Amino acid sequence: MTHNDQQVTTAEGKADAFNKYFASIFRPVSPSSPIVSPSLSSQNNLESITVSTEEVSYLLLNLLTDKATGPDGISARLLKECSNEIAPSLTALFNKSLSFGKVPQEWKEAN
């Protein structure tokens, strides 16, 4: 990375260069400035999203099998080997969740 005609190679140097750049282009917000919230379009919702069986099957077939199981105890190897059988049911489950606009809390948690 080059900053001010100098080659920057360390992580600390790069972070410092980015910090100086962003500090130079942004101004602090004054306390009297109104906070503007972007309005959400009616098209920006979960109901407008659908997944296909082909997409789910593709993702299942490409799971990494050398990882530990999740909280459900189901291994990636099992999901991968049964992908053709379970992809239609998983697709229906995902699309139903999206159509209701609700995602189970467990799906939002990472391991």
Protein backbone atom coordinates (compact mmCIF):
# COMPACT_ATOMS: atom_id res chain seq x y z
CA MET A 1 0.00 0.00 0.00
CA THR A 2 1.26 3.48 -0.80
CA HIS A 3 0.38 6.51 1.34
CA ASN A 4 1.87 9.97 0.69
CA ASP A 5 4.29 8.40 -1.81
CA GLN A 6 5.58 6.05 0.91
CA GLN A 7 5.23 2.26 0.82
CA VAL A 8 3.33 1.03 3.90
CA THR A 9 3.76 -2.66 4.69
CA THR A 10 2.91 -3.20 8.36
CA ALA A 11 -0.62 -3.70 9.65
CA GLU A 12 -0.13 -0.84 12.10
CA GLY A 13 1.10 1.47 9.34
CA LYS A 14 -1.85 0.60 7.10
CA ALA A 15 -4.32 1.17 9.93
CA ASP A 16 -2.69 4.53 10.67
CA ALA A 17 -2.85 5.54 6.99
CA PHE A 18 -6.55 4.65 6.78
CA ASN A 19 -7.21 6.47 10.06
CA LYS A 20 -5.53 9.64 8.78
CA TYR A 21 -7.39 9.45 5.48
CA PHE A 22 -10.84 8.98 7.00
CA ALA A 23 -10.17 11.60 9.67
CA SER A 24 -9.32 14.07 6.90
CA ILE A 25 -12.56 13.57 4.94
CA PHE A 26 -15.13 13.32 7.75
CA ARG A 27 -16.19 16.15 9.97
CA PRO A 28 -17.66 15.66 13.43
CA VAL A 29 -21.43 16.03 13.67
CA SER A 30 -22.53 19.03 15.70
CA PRO A 31 -24.94 18.38 18.58
CA SER A 32 -27.60 20.49 16.84
CA SER A 33 -27.48 18.45 13.62
CA PRO A 34 -30.63 16.37 13.14
CA ILE A 35 -30.20 12.63 12.99
CA VAL A 36 -31.56 11.38 9.70
CA SER A 37 -32.81 7.82 9.50
CA PRO A 38 -33.12 6.28 6.07
CA SER A 39 -36.65 5.19 5.32
CA LEU A 40 -37.05 1.56 4.44
CA SER A 41 -38.61 0.70 1.14
CA SER A 42 -41.44 -1.80 1.23
CA GLN A 43 -39.25 -3.98 -0.95
CA ASN A 44 -36.54 -4.21 1.71
CA ASN A 45 -38.14 -6.99 3.68
CA LEU A 46 -37.78 -10.70 4.17
CA GLU A 47 -40.95 -11.51 2.24
CA SER A 48 -39.29 -10.43 -1.01
CA ILE A 49 -36.53 -13.03 -0.58
CA THR A 50 -36.90 -16.65 -1.67
CA VAL A 51 -34.43 -19.48 -2.01
CA SER A 52 -34.53 -22.36 -4.44
CA THR A 53 -33.98 -26.05 -3.83
CA GLU A 54 -31.02 -25.88 -6.21
CA GLU A 55 -29.38 -23.15 -4.10
CA VAL A 56 -29.88 -25.07 -0.88
CA SER A 57 -28.62 -28.30 -2.45
CA TYR A 58 -25.54 -26.52 -3.84
CA LEU A 59 -24.72 -25.05 -0.43
CA LEU A 60 -25.19 -28.38 1.31
CA LEU A 61 -22.93 -30.14 -1.19
CA ASN A 62 -20.22 -27.54 -0.59
CA LEU A 63 -20.20 -27.68 3.21
CA LEU A 64 -16.78 -28.14 4.80
CA THR A 65 -16.83 -31.50 6.54
CA ASP A 66 -13.78 -30.93 8.73
CA LYS A 67 -15.65 -28.55 11.07
CA ALA A 68 -17.29 -29.34 14.40
CA THR A 69 -21.04 -29.80 14.64
CA GLY A 70 -23.28 -26.90 15.56
CA PRO A 71 -25.57 -26.70 18.58
CA ASP A 72 -28.00 -29.12 16.90
CA GLY A 73 -25.32 -31.85 16.81
CA ILE A 74 -25.82 -32.51 13.08
CA SER A 75 -22.54 -32.93 11.25
CA ALA A 76 -21.76 -31.21 7.97
CA ARG A 77 -20.88 -34.63 6.56
CA LEU A 78 -24.40 -35.93 7.24
CA LEU A 79 -25.99 -32.82 5.71
CA LYS A 80 -23.76 -33.15 2.67
CA GLU A 81 -24.43 -36.86 2.16
CA CYS A 82 -28.21 -36.38 2.53
CA SER A 83 -28.37 -33.14 0.55
CA ASN A 84 -30.64 -34.46 -2.23
CA GLU A 85 -33.14 -35.81 0.29
CA ILE A 86 -33.23 -32.86 2.69
CA ALA A 87 -32.81 -29.88 0.34
CA PRO A 88 -36.54 -29.67 -0.60
CA SER A 89 -37.66 -29.71 3.05
CA LEU A 90 -35.01 -27.20 4.12
CA THR A 91 -35.97 -24.95 1.20
CA ALA A 92 -39.62 -25.03 2.26
CA LEU A 93 -38.62 -24.27 5.86
CA PHE A 94 -36.39 -21.34 4.84
CA ASN A 95 -39.01 -19.86 2.52
CA LYS A 96 -41.76 -20.21 5.14
CA SER A 97 -39.56 -18.41 7.66
CA LEU A 98 -38.85 -15.64 5.17
CA SER A 99 -42.52 -15.31 4.17
CA PHE A 100 -43.48 -14.79 7.83
CA GLY A 101 -40.63 -12.30 8.18
CA LYS A 102 -39.29 -14.17 11.20
CA VAL A 103 -36.00 -15.98 11.61
CA PRO A 104 -35.55 -18.31 14.60
CA GLN A 105 -33.10 -16.95 17.17
CA GLU A 106 -30.99 -20.11 16.88
CA TRP A 107 -30.30 -19.32 13.21
CA LYS A 108 -28.83 -15.98 14.23
CA GLU A 109 -26.27 -17.46 16.61
CA ALA A 110 -22.77 -18.34 15.50
CA ASN A 111 -20.49 -20.98 16.98
